[in-house]
Amino acid sequence: MKLLLVEDDAANVETIRLCLEVYKPDCALSVVYNGKEVVPALKENAFDGLILDLGLPGLDGMDVLEEVVQRSKVPVIVVTGRKIEGEQKKVLQLGAKDYIFKPYDFHDLLKSINQYFGV
């Protein structure tokens, strides 16, 4: 399984990377730290899923999500610390499979990965 993680916080990236190494050792994780890097990464590689933070430099995660769902069929799980009224509903209406608030229990992310990324 190949996943693309879009996250600008290095500590969150390492936490997710380590947890996937333990619970999903067959997972190949690619990381981009900037919203503008997502579409080029999707053009270069075939991913089974995308884990997307919304608070990103370069291009806001909501804009990234809109662009991804227009250009790709890759399933998206949003993992964010933002709590803007109505945003969760909009994210799901745009086509994200799940919306997980930070801080979260990693088992919730694993459950979502198992459910939506076909593994």
N, C-alpha and C. Protein backbone atom coordinates (compact mmCIF):
# COMPACT_ATOMS: atom_id res chain seq x y z
N MET A 1 0.85 -1.17 0.00
CA MET A 1 0.00 0.00 0.00
C MET A 1 0.89 1.23 0.00
N LYS A 2 0.52 2.21 -0.84
CA LYS A 2 1.27 3.47 -0.93
C LYS A 2 0.36 4.62 -0.46
N LEU A 3 0.85 5.35 0.54
CA LEU A 3 0.10 6.48 1.06
C LEU A 3 0.89 7.76 0.88
N LEU A 4 0.16 8.85 0.66
CA LEU A 4 0.76 10.18 0.62
C LEU A 4 0.26 10.93 1.84
N LEU A 5 1.18 11.40 2.65
CA LEU A 5 0.86 12.20 3.82
C LEU A 5 1.19 13.64 3.52
N VAL A 6 0.21 14.53 3.72
CA VAL A 6 0.40 15.95 3.51
C VAL A 6 0.30 16.61 4.88
N GLU A 7 1.45 16.94 5.45
CA GLU A 7 1.51 17.43 6.83
C GLU A 7 2.75 18.31 6.97
N ASP A 8 2.58 19.50 7.53
CA ASP A 8 3.70 20.42 7.67
C ASP A 8 4.40 20.34 9.02
N ASP A 9 3.87 19.59 9.95
CA ASP A 9 4.46 19.47 11.28
C ASP A 9 5.32 18.20 11.33
N ALA A 10 6.63 18.39 11.49
CA ALA A 10 7.56 17.25 11.46
C ALA A 10 7.26 16.23 12.55
N ALA A 11 6.84 16.68 13.72
CA ALA A 11 6.53 15.75 14.81
C ALA A 11 5.34 14.86 14.45
N ASN A 12 4.32 15.45 13.83
CA ASN A 12 3.16 14.65 13.39
C ASN A 12 3.56 13.66 12.31
N VAL A 13 4.43 14.10 11.39
CA VAL A 13 4.89 13.20 10.34
C VAL A 13 5.60 12.00 10.95
N GLU A 14 6.51 12.24 11.89
CA GLU A 14 7.25 11.14 12.50
C GLU A 14 6.36 10.22 13.31
N THR A 15 5.37 10.77 13.99
CA THR A 15 4.43 9.94 14.75
C THR A 15 3.67 9.01 13.82
N ILE A 16 3.16 9.55 12.74
CA ILE A 16 2.41 8.73 11.77
C ILE A 16 3.34 7.71 11.12
N ARG A 17 4.54 8.14 10.75
CA ARG A 17 5.49 7.23 10.11
C ARG A 17 5.82 6.05 11.04
N LEU A 18 6.12 6.33 12.31
CA LEU A 18 6.46 5.27 13.25
C LEU A 18 5.29 4.32 13.51
N CYS A 19 4.10 4.87 13.65
CA CYS A 19 2.92 4.03 13.88
C CYS A 19 2.63 3.15 12.68
N LEU A 20 2.79 3.67 11.49
CA LEU A 20 2.58 2.85 10.30
C LEU A 20 3.65 1.76 10.18
N GLU A 21 4.89 2.08 10.57
CA GLU A 21 5.93 1.06 10.54
C GLU A 21 5.59 -0.11 11.46
N VAL A 22 4.95 0.19 12.59
CA VAL A 22 4.59 -0.86 13.55
C VAL A 22 3.33 -1.61 13.11
N TYR A 23 2.29 -0.87 12.76
CA TYR A 23 0.98 -1.48 12.49
C TYR A 23 0.73 -1.82 11.02
N LYS A 24 1.43 -1.17 10.12
CA LYS A 24 1.27 -1.41 8.68
C LYS A 24 2.64 -1.48 8.02
N PRO A 25 3.45 -2.48 8.36
CA PRO A 25 4.83 -2.52 7.86
C PRO A 25 4.93 -2.62 6.33
N ASP A 26 3.86 -3.02 5.68
CA ASP A 26 3.86 -3.11 4.22
C ASP A 26 3.54 -1.77 3.55
N CYS A 27 3.33 -0.74 4.34
CA CYS A 27 2.93 0.56 3.82
C CYS A 27 4.15 1.38 3.41
N ALA A 28 4.11 1.93 2.22
CA ALA A 28 5.13 2.86 1.75
C ALA A 28 4.56 4.26 1.90
N LEU A 29 5.18 5.06 2.75
CA LEU A 29 4.69 6.39 3.04
C LEU A 29 5.55 7.44 2.36
N SER A 30 4.91 8.29 1.57
CA SER A 30 5.56 9.46 0.99
C SER A 30 4.99 10.69 1.70
N VAL A 31 5.81 11.71 1.86
CA VAL A 31 5.40 12.90 2.60
C VAL A 31 5.68 14.15 1.78
N VAL A 32 4.70 15.06 1.78
CA VAL A 32 4.92 16.41 1.28
C VAL A 32 4.50 17.36 2.40
N TYR A 33 5.20 18.47 2.49
CA TYR A 33 5.01 19.39 3.60
C TYR A 33 4.30 20.67 3.20
N ASN A 34 3.94 20.80 1.95
CA ASN A 34 3.39 22.03 1.41
C ASN A 34 2.22 21.69 0.49
N GLY A 35 1.14 22.45 0.58
CA GLY A 35 -0.03 22.18 -0.23
C GLY A 35 0.22 22.19 -1.73
N LYS A 36 1.18 23.00 -2.16
CA LYS A 36 1.48 23.09 -3.60
C LYS A 36 2.17 21.85 -4.15
N GLU A 37 2.67 20.99 -3.27
CA GLU A 37 3.40 19.80 -3.71
C GLU A 37 2.49 18.59 -3.95
N VAL A 38 1.22 18.70 -3.59
CA VAL A 38 0.34 17.53 -3.62
C VAL A 38 0.03 17.07 -5.04
N VAL A 39 -0.47 17.94 -5.87
CA VAL A 39 -0.86 17.54 -7.23
C VAL A 39 0.33 16.98 -8.01
N PRO A 40 1.51 17.64 -7.98
CA PRO A 40 2.65 17.03 -8.66
C PRO A 40 3.00 15.63 -8.12
N ALA A 41 2.89 15.44 -6.81
CA ALA A 41 3.17 14.12 -6.23
C ALA A 41 2.17 13.08 -6.74
N LEU A 42 0.90 13.48 -6.86
CA LEU A 42 -0.13 12.55 -7.35
C LEU A 42 0.08 12.22 -8.83
N LYS A 43 0.62 13.16 -9.58
CA LYS A 43 0.90 12.91 -11.01
C LYS A 43 2.07 11.94 -11.19
N GLU A 44 3.03 12.00 -10.25
CA GLU A 44 4.23 11.18 -10.37
C GLU A 44 4.05 9.76 -9.85
N ASN A 45 3.11 9.55 -8.94
CA ASN A 45 2.94 8.25 -8.29
C ASN A 45 1.47 7.88 -8.18
N ALA A 46 1.22 6.59 -8.14
CA ALA A 46 -0.13 6.09 -7.89
C ALA A 46 -0.22 5.75 -6.41
N PHE A 47 -1.08 6.46 -5.69
CA PHE A 47 -1.24 6.25 -4.26
C PHE A 47 -2.57 5.56 -3.99
N ASP A 48 -2.59 4.76 -2.93
CA ASP A 48 -3.82 4.10 -2.50
C ASP A 48 -4.64 5.00 -1.59
N GLY A 49 -4.02 6.02 -1.03
CA GLY A 49 -4.72 6.93 -0.15
C GLY A 49 -3.91 8.16 0.16
N LEU A 50 -4.62 9.19 0.59
CA LEU A 50 -4.03 10.48 0.93
C LEU A 50 -4.50 10.88 2.32
N ILE A 51 -3.56 11.19 3.19
CA ILE A 51 -3.86 11.72 4.52
C ILE A 51 -3.51 13.20 4.48
N LEU A 52 -4.50 14.05 4.69
CA LEU A 52 -4.35 15.48 4.43
C LEU A 52 -4.62 16.33 5.66
N ASP A 53 -3.65 17.14 6.03
CA ASP A 53 -3.85 18.19 7.04
C ASP A 53 -4.45 19.39 6.30
N LEU A 54 -5.22 20.20 6.99
CA LEU A 54 -5.83 21.37 6.33
C LEU A 54 -5.01 22.63 6.49
N GLY A 55 -4.30 22.78 7.59
CA GLY A 55 -3.52 23.98 7.83
C GLY A 55 -2.13 23.84 7.24
N LEU A 56 -2.00 24.16 5.96
CA LEU A 56 -0.75 23.95 5.24
C LEU A 56 -0.18 25.25 4.69
N PRO A 57 1.15 25.33 4.58
CA PRO A 57 1.74 26.45 3.87
C PRO A 57 1.59 26.25 2.36
N GLY A 58 1.67 27.32 1.63
CA GLY A 58 1.65 27.22 0.17
C GLY A 58 0.26 27.23 -0.42
N LEU A 59 -0.55 26.31 0.01
CA LEU A 59 -1.91 26.18 -0.48
C LEU A 59 -2.73 25.53 0.62
N ASP A 60 -3.79 26.19 1.04
CA ASP A 60 -4.62 25.69 2.14
C ASP A 60 -5.17 24.30 1.82
N GLY A 61 -5.31 23.49 2.85
CA GLY A 61 -5.78 22.12 2.69
C GLY A 61 -7.15 22.00 2.04
N MET A 62 -8.04 22.96 2.28
CA MET A 62 -9.35 22.92 1.62
C MET A 62 -9.19 23.07 0.11
N ASP A 63 -8.30 23.95 -0.32
CA ASP A 63 -8.04 24.12 -1.75
C ASP A 63 -7.39 22.87 -2.33
N VAL A 64 -6.48 22.27 -1.55
CA VAL A 64 -5.84 21.03 -1.98
C VAL A 64 -6.90 19.95 -2.16
N LEU A 65 -7.80 19.82 -1.20
CA LEU A 65 -8.85 18.80 -1.28
C LEU A 65 -9.70 18.99 -2.53
N GLU A 66 -10.12 20.22 -2.79
CA GLU A 66 -10.93 20.49 -3.98
C GLU A 66 -10.20 20.08 -5.25
N GLU A 67 -8.92 20.42 -5.32
CA GLU A 67 -8.14 20.09 -6.50
C GLU A 67 -7.95 18.58 -6.65
N VAL A 68 -7.69 17.91 -5.54
CA VAL A 68 -7.47 16.46 -5.57
C VAL A 68 -8.72 15.73 -6.04
N VAL A 69 -9.89 16.08 -5.49
CA VAL A 69 -11.10 15.35 -5.87
C VAL A 69 -11.51 15.63 -7.31
N GLN A 70 -11.09 16.77 -7.86
CA GLN A 70 -11.37 17.06 -9.27
C GLN A 70 -10.44 16.30 -10.21
N ARG A 71 -9.22 16.04 -9.77
CA ARG A 71 -8.20 15.46 -10.64
C ARG A 71 -7.93 13.98 -10.42
N SER A 72 -8.41 13.43 -9.31
CA SER A 72 -8.00 12.09 -8.93
C SER A 72 -9.13 11.34 -8.23
N LYS A 73 -9.00 10.05 -8.20
CA LYS A 73 -9.97 9.22 -7.47
C LYS A 73 -9.36 8.69 -6.17
N VAL A 74 -8.18 9.18 -5.80
CA VAL A 74 -7.53 8.70 -4.59
C VAL A 74 -8.38 9.10 -3.37
N PRO A 75 -8.67 8.13 -2.49
CA PRO A 75 -9.46 8.46 -1.30
C PRO A 75 -8.65 9.33 -0.34
N VAL A 76 -9.35 10.26 0.31
CA VAL A 76 -8.70 11.23 1.19
C VAL A 76 -9.28 11.13 2.60
N ILE A 77 -8.37 11.08 3.57
CA ILE A 77 -8.74 11.21 4.99
C ILE A 77 -8.14 12.53 5.46
N VAL A 78 -8.96 13.39 6.01
CA VAL A 78 -8.50 14.66 6.55
C VAL A 78 -8.20 14.47 8.03
N VAL A 79 -7.01 14.89 8.45
CA VAL A 79 -6.60 14.86 9.85
C VAL A 79 -6.13 16.27 10.18
N THR A 80 -6.89 16.97 11.01
CA THR A 80 -6.60 18.38 11.23
C THR A 80 -6.89 18.84 12.65
N GLY A 81 -6.23 19.89 13.04
CA GLY A 81 -6.49 20.52 14.32
C GLY A 81 -7.47 21.67 14.20
N ARG A 82 -7.84 22.02 12.97
CA ARG A 82 -8.77 23.13 12.77
C ARG A 82 -10.18 22.72 13.16
N LYS A 83 -10.84 23.65 13.82
CA LYS A 83 -12.24 23.41 14.20
C LYS A 83 -13.04 24.64 13.80
N ILE A 84 -13.26 24.75 12.51
CA ILE A 84 -14.03 25.85 11.95
C ILE A 84 -15.45 25.36 11.72
N GLU A 85 -16.42 26.13 12.19
CA GLU A 85 -17.81 25.73 12.08
C GLU A 85 -18.17 25.43 10.62
N GLY A 86 -18.76 24.28 10.40
CA GLY A 86 -19.21 23.88 9.08
C GLY A 86 -18.13 23.26 8.20
N GLU A 87 -16.87 23.32 8.63
CA GLU A 87 -15.80 22.81 7.77
C GLU A 87 -15.83 21.30 7.64
N GLN A 88 -16.12 20.59 8.73
CA GLN A 88 -16.18 19.13 8.66
C GLN A 88 -17.23 18.70 7.63
N LYS A 89 -18.38 19.31 7.69
CA LYS A 89 -19.45 18.97 6.74
C LYS A 89 -19.02 19.26 5.31
N LYS A 90 -18.38 20.41 5.09
CA LYS A 90 -17.93 20.77 3.74
C LYS A 90 -16.88 19.79 3.22
N VAL A 91 -15.95 19.41 4.10
CA VAL A 91 -14.90 18.46 3.71
C VAL A 91 -15.52 17.15 3.24
N LEU A 92 -16.49 16.66 3.98
CA LEU A 92 -17.13 15.39 3.61
C LEU A 92 -17.98 15.55 2.34
N GLN A 93 -18.62 16.70 2.18
CA GLN A 93 -19.39 16.96 0.96
C GLN A 93 -18.49 17.03 -0.26
N LEU A 94 -17.28 17.55 -0.09
CA LEU A 94 -16.33 17.63 -1.20
C LEU A 94 -15.84 16.26 -1.63
N GLY A 95 -15.94 15.27 -0.74
CA GLY A 95 -15.55 13.93 -1.13
C GLY A 95 -14.54 13.24 -0.23
N ALA A 96 -14.08 13.91 0.83
CA ALA A 96 -13.19 13.23 1.77
C ALA A 96 -13.94 12.07 2.41
N LYS A 97 -13.24 11.01 2.70
CA LYS A 97 -13.87 9.82 3.29
C LYS A 97 -14.06 9.96 4.79
N ASP A 98 -13.17 10.70 5.45
CA ASP A 98 -13.25 10.84 6.90
C ASP A 98 -12.62 12.16 7.31
N TYR A 99 -12.97 12.62 8.50
CA TYR A 99 -12.48 13.87 9.07
C TYR A 99 -12.13 13.57 10.51
N ILE A 100 -10.85 13.59 10.83
CA ILE A 100 -10.38 13.24 12.16
C ILE A 100 -9.74 14.48 12.80
N PHE A 101 -10.20 14.80 14.01
CA PHE A 101 -9.66 15.95 14.73
C PHE A 101 -8.38 15.58 15.48
N LYS A 102 -7.38 16.48 15.43
CA LYS A 102 -6.19 16.35 16.27
C LYS A 102 -6.49 16.99 17.61
N PRO A 103 -5.94 16.50 18.68
CA PRO A 103 -5.19 15.24 18.77
C PRO A 103 -6.14 14.06 18.65
N TYR A 104 -5.65 12.95 18.18
CA TYR A 104 -6.49 11.79 17.94
C TYR A 104 -5.78 10.54 18.45
N ASP A 105 -6.54 9.50 18.64
CA ASP A 105 -6.00 8.19 18.96
C ASP A 105 -5.57 7.56 17.63
N PHE A 106 -4.32 7.12 17.55
CA PHE A 106 -3.82 6.58 16.29
C PHE A 106 -4.66 5.40 15.79
N HIS A 107 -5.29 4.68 16.71
CA HIS A 107 -6.14 3.56 16.30
C HIS A 107 -7.33 4.04 15.47
N ASP A 108 -7.80 5.27 15.71
CA ASP A 108 -8.87 5.83 14.89
C ASP A 108 -8.39 6.06 13.46
N LEU A 109 -7.16 6.54 13.32
CA LEU A 109 -6.60 6.72 11.97
C LEU A 109 -6.40 5.38 11.29
N LEU A 110 -5.89 4.40 12.01
CA LEU A 110 -5.73 3.06 11.43
C LEU A 110 -7.06 2.48 10.96
N LYS A 111 -8.08 2.64 11.78
CA LYS A 111 -9.41 2.15 11.41
C LYS A 111 -9.88 2.80 10.11
N SER A 112 -9.67 4.10 10.00
CA SER A 112 -10.07 4.81 8.79
C SER A 112 -9.25 4.37 7.58
N ILE A 113 -7.95 4.19 7.77
CA ILE A 113 -7.10 3.70 6.69
C ILE A 113 -7.57 2.33 6.22
N ASN A 114 -7.85 1.45 7.15
CA ASN A 114 -8.33 0.11 6.79
C ASN A 114 -9.65 0.17 6.06
N GLN A 115 -10.53 1.06 6.49
CA GLN A 115 -11.86 1.15 5.90
C GLN A 115 -11.86 1.78 4.51
N TYR A 116 -11.10 2.83 4.32
CA TYR A 116 -11.23 3.63 3.10
C TYR A 116 -10.13 3.43 2.07
N PHE A 117 -9.02 2.84 2.49
CA PHE A 117 -7.93 2.67 1.53
C PHE A 117 -7.82 1.25 1.02
N GLY A 118 -8.85 0.44 1.28
CA GLY A 118 -8.96 -0.87 0.67
C GLY A 118 -7.93 -1.89 1.11
N VAL A 119 -7.50 -1.80 2.37
CA VAL A 119 -6.53 -2.78 2.86
C VAL A 119 -7.05 -3.42 4.13
